[in-house]
Protein backbone atom coordinates (compact mmCIF):
# COMPACT_ATOMS: atom_id res chain seq x y z
CA UNK A 1 0.00 0.00 0.00
CA UNK A 2 1.13 3.53 -0.68
CA UNK A 3 1.15 6.41 1.75
CA UNK A 4 -0.26 9.92 1.60
CA UNK A 5 1.52 12.95 3.00
CA UNK A 6 -1.00 15.51 4.21
CA UNK A 7 0.05 19.13 4.83
CA UNK A 8 -2.20 21.77 6.39
CA UNK A 9 -1.94 24.96 4.33
CA UNK A 10 -4.90 27.03 5.58
CA UNK A 11 -6.18 27.90 9.02
CA UNK A 12 -9.14 26.11 10.57
CA UNK A 13 -10.35 29.35 12.18
CA UNK A 14 -13.86 30.01 10.94
CA UNK A 15 -14.32 26.44 9.74
CA UNK A 16 -17.16 24.24 10.87
CA UNK A 17 -16.52 22.24 14.04
CA UNK A 18 -16.73 18.97 12.08
CA UNK A 19 -13.96 20.18 9.76
CA UNK A 20 -11.75 21.06 12.73
CA UNK A 21 -12.39 17.60 14.16
CA UNK A 22 -11.48 16.00 10.86
CA UNK A 23 -8.17 17.90 10.81
CA UNK A 24 -7.45 16.61 14.33
CA UNK A 25 -8.27 13.06 13.22
CA UNK A 26 -5.80 13.46 10.36
CA UNK A 27 -3.12 14.47 12.88
CA UNK A 28 -3.04 18.14 11.90
CA UNK A 29 -3.74 21.25 13.92
CA UNK A 30 -1.77 24.21 12.66
CA UNK A 31 -0.52 25.57 9.37
CA UNK A 32 2.59 23.78 8.13
CA UNK A 33 1.98 20.56 10.08
CA UNK A 34 2.46 17.36 8.08
CA UNK A 35 1.44 13.77 8.65
CA UNK A 36 1.94 10.56 6.67
CA UNK A 37 -1.11 8.31 6.52
CA UNK A 38 -1.95 5.03 4.77
CA UNK A 39 -3.92 5.29 1.53
CA UNK A 40 -7.28 3.84 2.64
CA UNK A 41 -10.86 4.74 1.73
CA UNK A 42 -11.56 6.16 5.22
CA UNK A 43 -8.57 8.48 4.99
CA UNK A 44 -9.52 9.52 1.44
CA UNK A 45 -12.99 10.47 2.69
CA UNK A 46 -11.57 12.63 5.46
CA UNK A 47 -9.20 14.29 3.01
CA UNK A 48 -12.07 15.03 0.64
CA UNK A 49 -14.02 16.69 3.47
CA UNK A 50 -11.25 19.21 4.27
CA UNK A 51 -9.60 19.46 0.84
CA UNK A 52 -9.82 23.25 0.96
CA UNK A 53 -7.53 23.36 4.01
CA UNK A 54 -4.84 20.82 3.07
CA UNK A 55 -2.44 19.67 0.35
CA UNK A 56 -1.93 15.98 -0.38
CA UNK A 57 1.11 14.30 -1.90
CA UNK A 58 1.17 10.63 -2.84
CA UNK A 59 4.34 8.76 -1.86
């Protein structure tokens, strides 16, 4: 399985509480934070929900 590197590029201030929770579940919390996650359907769904706040790179 491949991995996904997720980088937060925009602030969560003013976002919906569910979006902030999704960022926390992805292991992010502030601009510039990165996390490497497995490429699974659950992770893809979370990424799709907060796509406007993050950048994703496939490893």
